[in-house]
Amino acid sequence: METFENTNLYSRTSAVEYAKKYALNPNPQYRYFSLSNTGGDCANFVSQCLRAGGAPFIYNREHSWWYNNMSTGNVMDDTWSVPWAVAHSLYWLLKINDESNLSGAKGREVFDISLLDLGDLVFYEDSSGLIFHSAIITGFSGNIPLVSHHSFEALNIFYYNTWPANKIHFLKIRL
């Protein structure tokens, strides 16, 4: 884990400041994905936080991650990559980027919450193995991570008080 942290250019402070600013009142510069049968705004919000933390857009076909504000004055005209807005895709993109040392944001899964820092991510898996929700760590109560997220807007709640999950994944983030 030492090498992982020593090579990190991710601004945890900037990512968390962004998360705290927009957790309860979404940034109007981005499209908001309301909760429906096909998902919500959680990965979009987490992606915005990663971007605020310095994660560069990646436009290649193998592991794209981007958001394109069309500057029409209407965010409904904007476009984005699937991993930008879908929790399952974002989770796998971050893991694959780490495992293959690809460019962009990377996430290394850890199983000990004492290894987590502000700005790391939490992903929630259902009983069928689908990652259905994501959140960013924006605080701690003792050594218990507090998260902020969208799909229901939350600021600094215990990570286990969000959506019911079959399994919870913790990713250490770096660039």
C-alpha atoms as a PDB file:
ATOM      1  CA  MET A   1       0.000   0.000   0.000  1.00  0.00           C
ATOM      2  CA  GLU A   2       2.955   2.326   0.599  1.00  0.00           C
ATOM      3  CA  THR A   3       3.846   2.642  -3.100  1.00  0.00           C
ATOM      4  CA  PHE A   4       0.194   3.223  -3.954  1.00  0.00           C
ATOM      5  CA  GLU A   5      -0.043   6.235  -1.623  1.00  0.00           C
ATOM      6  CA  ASN A   6       3.371   7.688  -2.488  1.00  0.00           C
ATOM      7  CA  THR A   7       2.460   7.985  -6.174  1.00  0.00           C
ATOM      8  CA  ASN A   8      -0.913   9.611  -5.557  1.00  0.00           C
ATOM      9  CA  LEU A   9      -1.721  12.916  -7.285  1.00  0.00           C
ATOM     10  CA  TYR A  10      -5.399  12.770  -6.311  1.00  0.00           C
ATOM     11  CA  SER A  11      -6.460  15.847  -4.335  1.00  0.00           C
ATOM     12  CA  ARG A  12      -8.558  14.289  -1.598  1.00  0.00           C
ATOM     13  CA  THR A  13      -9.160  17.738  -0.134  1.00  0.00           C
ATOM     14  CA  SER A  14     -10.609  19.103  -3.382  1.00  0.00           C
ATOM     15  CA  ALA A  15     -12.743  16.003  -3.974  1.00  0.00           C
ATOM     16  CA  VAL A  16     -14.184  16.121  -0.453  1.00  0.00           C
ATOM     17  CA  GLU A  17     -14.765  19.881  -0.516  1.00  0.00           C
ATOM     18  CA  TYR A  18     -16.696  19.422  -3.765  1.00  0.00           C
ATOM     19  CA  ALA A  19     -18.684  16.522  -2.302  1.00  0.00           C
ATOM     20  CA  LYS A  20     -19.640  18.512   0.778  1.00  0.00           C
ATOM     21  CA  LYS A  21     -20.647  21.516  -1.315  1.00  0.00           C
ATOM     22  CA  TYR A  22     -22.897  19.539  -3.684  1.00  0.00           C
ATOM     23  CA  ALA A  23     -24.069  16.552  -1.612  1.00  0.00           C
ATOM     24  CA  LEU A  24     -27.384  18.106  -0.623  1.00  0.00           C
ATOM     25  CA  ASN A  25     -27.773  20.565  -3.515  1.00  0.00           C
ATOM     26  CA  PRO A  26     -26.581  19.065  -6.833  1.00  0.00           C
ATOM     27  CA  ASN A  27     -24.324  21.138  -9.066  1.00  0.00           C
ATOM     28  CA  PRO A  28     -26.545  22.701 -11.762  1.00  0.00           C
ATOM     29  CA  GLN A  29     -23.635  22.538 -14.250  1.00  0.00           C
ATOM     30  CA  TYR A  30     -24.209  18.763 -14.532  1.00  0.00           C
ATOM     31  CA  ARG A  31     -27.234  16.757 -15.519  1.00  0.00           C
ATOM     32  CA  TYR A  32     -28.989  15.201 -12.538  1.00  0.00           C
ATOM     33  CA  PHE A  33     -30.153  11.600 -12.964  1.00  0.00           C
ATOM     34  CA  SER A  34     -33.267  11.174 -10.856  1.00  0.00           C
ATOM     35  CA  LEU A  35     -33.894   7.874  -9.117  1.00  0.00           C
ATOM     36  CA  SER A  36     -35.772   5.470 -11.370  1.00  0.00           C
ATOM     37  CA  ASN A  37     -35.862   1.807 -12.269  1.00  0.00           C
ATOM     38  CA  THR A  38     -32.650   2.296 -14.231  1.00  0.00           C
ATOM     39  CA  GLY A  39     -30.562   3.998 -11.553  1.00  0.00           C
ATOM     40  CA  GLY A  40     -29.955   7.377 -10.016  1.00  0.00           C
ATOM     41  CA  ASP A  41     -27.328  10.089  -9.664  1.00  0.00           C
ATOM     42  CA  CYS A  42     -24.801   8.376  -7.388  1.00  0.00           C
ATOM     43  CA  ALA A  43     -22.068   7.558  -9.933  1.00  0.00           C
ATOM     44  CA  ASN A  44     -22.526  10.912 -11.667  1.00  0.00           C
ATOM     45  CA  PHE A  45     -21.965  12.639  -8.308  1.00  0.00           C
ATOM     46  CA  VAL A  46     -18.956  10.463  -7.408  1.00  0.00           C
ATOM     47  CA  SER A  47     -17.481  11.094 -10.873  1.00  0.00           C
ATOM     48  CA  GLN A  48     -17.869  14.840 -10.348  1.00  0.00           C
ATOM     49  CA  CYS A  49     -15.984  14.465  -7.053  1.00  0.00           C
ATOM     50  CA  LEU A  50     -13.190  12.499  -8.744  1.00  0.00           C
ATOM     51  CA  ARG A  51     -12.963  15.193 -11.408  1.00  0.00           C
ATOM     52  CA  ALA A  52     -12.762  17.891  -8.709  1.00  0.00           C
ATOM     53  CA  GLY A  53      -9.937  15.847  -7.171  1.00  0.00           C
ATOM     54  CA  GLY A  54      -7.946  16.093 -10.401  1.00  0.00           C
ATOM     55  CA  ALA A  55      -8.990  12.976 -12.324  1.00  0.00           C
ATOM     56  CA  PRO A  56      -8.511  13.647 -16.053  1.00  0.00           C
ATOM     57  CA  PHE A  57     -11.107  12.784 -18.652  1.00  0.00           C
ATOM     58  CA  ILE A  58     -10.219   9.648 -20.602  1.00  0.00           C
ATOM     59  CA  TYR A  59     -11.612   9.454 -24.122  1.00  0.00           C
ATOM     60  CA  ASN A  60     -10.239   6.157 -25.457  1.00  0.00           C
ATOM     61  CA  ARG A  61     -12.602   3.296 -26.279  1.00  0.00           C
ATOM     62  CA  GLU A  62     -11.195   0.754 -23.840  1.00  0.00           C
ATOM     63  CA  HIS A  63     -11.668   2.685 -20.607  1.00  0.00           C
ATOM     64  CA  SER A  64     -13.410   5.963 -21.311  1.00  0.00           C
ATOM     65  CA  TRP A  65     -14.506   8.262 -18.499  1.00  0.00           C
ATOM     66  CA  TRP A  66     -15.783  11.714 -19.394  1.00  0.00           C
ATOM     67  CA  TYR A  67     -18.594  14.242 -19.241  1.00  0.00           C
ATOM     68  CA  ASN A  68     -19.224  16.699 -22.064  1.00  0.00           C
ATOM     69  CA  ASN A  69     -21.079  19.871 -21.171  1.00  0.00           C
ATOM     70  CA  MET A  70     -22.561  20.928 -24.518  1.00  0.00           C
ATOM     71  CA  SER A  71     -22.711  24.590 -23.371  1.00  0.00           C
ATOM     72  CA  THR A  72     -26.234  24.998 -24.707  1.00  0.00           C
ATOM     73  CA  GLY A  73     -27.526  26.256 -21.385  1.00  0.00           C
ATOM     74  CA  ASN A  74     -29.474  23.013 -20.977  1.00  0.00           C
ATOM     75  CA  VAL A  75     -27.711  20.103 -19.218  1.00  0.00           C
ATOM     76  CA  MET A  76     -30.234  17.754 -20.846  1.00  0.00           C
ATOM     77  CA  ASP A  77     -28.144  18.195 -24.022  1.00  0.00           C
ATOM     78  CA  ASP A  78     -24.938  16.991 -22.321  1.00  0.00           C
ATOM     79  CA  THR A  79     -23.274  13.640 -23.068  1.00  0.00           C
ATOM     80  CA  TRP A  80     -21.136  11.308 -20.920  1.00  0.00           C
ATOM     81  CA  SER A  81     -19.432   7.928 -20.916  1.00  0.00           C
ATOM     82  CA  VAL A  82     -21.169   4.964 -19.296  1.00  0.00           C
ATOM     83  CA  PRO A  83     -18.662   4.697 -16.385  1.00  0.00           C
ATOM     84  CA  TRP A  84     -19.248   8.376 -15.577  1.00  0.00           C
ATOM     85  CA  ALA A  85     -22.883   7.699 -14.697  1.00  0.00           C
ATOM     86  CA  VAL A  86     -23.254   3.973 -13.893  1.00  0.00           C
ATOM     87  CA  ALA A  87     -21.967   2.688 -10.534  1.00  0.00           C
ATOM     88  CA  HIS A  88     -21.187  -0.841 -11.766  1.00  0.00           C
ATOM     89  CA  SER A  89     -19.179   0.482 -14.714  1.00  0.00           C
ATOM     90  CA  LEU A  90     -17.365   3.079 -12.592  1.00  0.00           C
ATOM     91  CA  TYR A  91     -16.361   0.438 -10.036  1.00  0.00           C
ATOM     92  CA  TRP A  92     -14.884  -1.855 -12.696  1.00  0.00           C
ATOM     93  CA  LEU A  93     -13.213   1.001 -14.573  1.00  0.00           C
ATOM     94  CA  LEU A  94     -11.395   2.108 -11.402  1.00  0.00           C
ATOM     95  CA  LYS A  95     -10.328  -1.451 -10.538  1.00  0.00           C
ATOM     96  CA  ILE A  96      -9.137  -2.257 -14.073  1.00  0.00           C
ATOM     97  CA  ASN A  97      -7.277   1.059 -14.307  1.00  0.00           C
ATOM     98  CA  ASP A  98      -5.464   0.140 -11.097  1.00  0.00           C
ATOM     99  CA  GLU A  99      -4.738  -3.477 -11.990  1.00  0.00           C
ATOM    100  CA  SER A 100      -3.426  -2.544 -15.456  1.00  0.00           C
ATOM    101  CA  ASN A 101      -1.883   0.788 -14.368  1.00  0.00           C
ATOM    102  CA  LEU A 102      -3.881   2.637 -17.015  1.00  0.00           C
ATOM    103  CA  SER A 103      -4.210   6.402 -17.158  1.00  0.00           C
ATOM    104  CA  GLY A 104      -6.886   8.203 -15.170  1.00  0.00           C
ATOM    105  CA  ALA A 105      -8.406   7.507 -11.790  1.00  0.00           C
ATOM    106  CA  LYS A 106      -7.561   4.162 -10.215  1.00  0.00           C
ATOM    107  CA  GLY A 107      -9.169   2.268  -7.346  1.00  0.00           C
ATOM    108  CA  ARG A 108      -7.546  -0.452  -5.273  1.00  0.00           C
ATOM    109  CA  GLU A 109      -9.940  -2.541  -3.237  1.00  0.00           C
ATOM    110  CA  VAL A 110      -9.146  -2.794   0.464  1.00  0.00           C
ATOM    111  CA  PHE A 111     -10.873  -4.901   3.076  1.00  0.00           C
ATOM    112  CA  ASP A 112      -9.825  -3.039   6.206  1.00  0.00           C
ATOM    113  CA  ILE A 113     -11.661   0.237   6.813  1.00  0.00           C
ATOM    114  CA  SER A 114      -8.736   1.530   8.848  1.00  0.00           C
ATOM    115  CA  LEU A 115      -6.859   1.909   5.513  1.00  0.00           C
ATOM    116  CA  LEU A 116      -9.442   4.341   4.146  1.00  0.00           C
ATOM    117  CA  ASP A 117      -8.995   8.098   3.850  1.00  0.00           C
ATOM    118  CA  LEU A 118     -11.166  11.033   2.964  1.00  0.00           C
ATOM    119  CA  GLY A 119     -11.937  10.929  -0.762  1.00  0.00           C
ATOM    120  CA  ASP A 120     -11.894   7.143  -1.060  1.00  0.00           C
ATOM    121  CA  LEU A 121     -14.990   5.466  -2.469  1.00  0.00           C
ATOM    122  CA  VAL A 122     -17.590   2.984  -1.283  1.00  0.00           C
ATOM    123  CA  PHE A 123     -19.560   0.757  -3.658  1.00  0.00           C
ATOM    124  CA  TYR A 124     -22.631  -1.305  -2.784  1.00  0.00           C
ATOM    125  CA  GLU A 125     -23.369  -4.708  -4.342  1.00  0.00           C
ATOM    126  CA  ASP A 126     -26.724  -6.487  -4.479  1.00  0.00           C
ATOM    127  CA  SER A 127     -27.409 -10.215  -4.088  1.00  0.00           C
ATOM    128  CA  SER A 128     -26.944 -10.819  -7.826  1.00  0.00           C
ATOM    129  CA  GLY A 129     -23.405  -9.352  -7.807  1.00  0.00           C
ATOM    130  CA  LEU A 130     -24.356  -6.009  -9.389  1.00  0.00           C
ATOM    131  CA  ILE A 131     -22.776  -2.834  -8.049  1.00  0.00           C
ATOM    132  CA  PHE A 132     -25.819  -0.588  -7.732  1.00  0.00           C
ATOM    133  CA  HIS A 133     -24.676   2.395  -5.657  1.00  0.00           C
ATOM    134  CA  SER A 134     -21.575   4.491  -4.968  1.00  0.00           C
ATOM    135  CA  ALA A 135     -20.542   7.079  -2.391  1.00  0.00           C
ATOM    136  CA  ILE A 136     -17.485   9.118  -1.392  1.00  0.00           C
ATOM    137  CA  ILE A 137     -15.962   9.184   2.077  1.00  0.00           C
ATOM    138  CA  THR A 138     -16.281  12.738   3.405  1.00  0.00           C
ATOM    139  CA  GLY A 139     -15.685  12.225   7.110  1.00  0.00           C
ATOM    140  CA  PHE A 140     -15.089   9.801   9.946  1.00  0.00           C
ATOM    141  CA  SER A 141     -16.796   9.186  13.265  1.00  0.00           C
ATOM    142  CA  GLY A 142     -14.029   7.570  15.243  1.00  0.00           C
ATOM    143  CA  ASN A 143     -12.704   5.146  12.665  1.00  0.00           C
ATOM    144  CA  ILE A 144     -16.049   4.603  10.917  1.00  0.00           C
ATOM    145  CA  PRO A 145     -16.299   6.183   7.436  1.00  0.00           C
ATOM    146  CA  LEU A 146     -19.017   8.725   6.802  1.00  0.00           C
ATOM    147  CA  VAL A 147     -20.166   9.071   3.203  1.00  0.00           C
ATOM    148  CA  SER A 148     -21.903  11.581   1.004  1.00  0.00           C
ATOM    149  CA  HIS A 149     -23.888  10.603  -2.086  1.00  0.00           C
ATOM    150  CA  HIS A 150     -26.816  11.215  -4.405  1.00  0.00           C
ATOM    151  CA  SER A 151     -29.889   9.166  -5.397  1.00  0.00           C
ATOM    152  CA  PHE A 152     -31.043  10.278  -2.087  1.00  0.00           C
ATOM    153  CA  GLU A 153     -28.963  13.273  -1.158  1.00  0.00           C
ATOM    154  CA  ALA A 154     -26.860  12.618   1.932  1.00  0.00           C
ATOM    155  CA  LEU A 155     -23.983  14.382   3.665  1.00  0.00           C
ATOM    156  CA  ASN A 156     -21.730  12.602   6.167  1.00  0.00           C
ATOM    157  CA  ILE A 157     -23.864   9.583   7.023  1.00  0.00           C
ATOM    158  CA  PHE A 158     -22.465   6.242   8.204  1.00  0.00           C
ATOM    159  CA  TYR A 159     -21.501   4.169   5.167  1.00  0.00           C
ATOM    160  CA  TYR A 160     -23.724   1.312   6.333  1.00  0.00           C
ATOM    161  CA  ASN A 161     -26.787   3.601   6.678  1.00  0.00           C
ATOM    162  CA  THR A 162     -27.223   4.087   2.946  1.00  0.00           C
ATOM    163  CA  TRP A 163     -28.830   1.513   0.630  1.00  0.00           C
ATOM    164  CA  PRO A 164     -29.182  -2.101   1.876  1.00  0.00           C
ATOM    165  CA  ALA A 165     -26.390  -4.129   0.267  1.00  0.00           C
ATOM    166  CA  ASN A 166     -25.329  -7.742   0.087  1.00  0.00           C
ATOM    167  CA  LYS A 167     -21.653  -6.679   0.008  1.00  0.00           C
ATOM    168  CA  ILE A 168     -19.785  -3.393   0.410  1.00  0.00           C
ATOM    169  CA  HIS A 169     -16.575  -2.597  -1.483  1.00  0.00           C
ATOM    170  CA  PHE A 170     -14.008   0.031  -0.436  1.00  0.00           C
ATOM    171  CA  LEU A 171     -11.682   1.527  -3.052  1.00  0.00           C
ATOM    172  CA  LYS A 172      -8.521   3.511  -2.321  1.00  0.00           C
ATOM    173  CA  ILE A 173      -8.314   6.175  -5.006  1.00  0.00           C
ATOM    174  CA  ARG A 174      -5.239   7.497  -6.796  1.00  0.00           C
ATOM    175  CA  LEU A 175      -4.366   9.083 -10.107  1.00  0.00           C
END
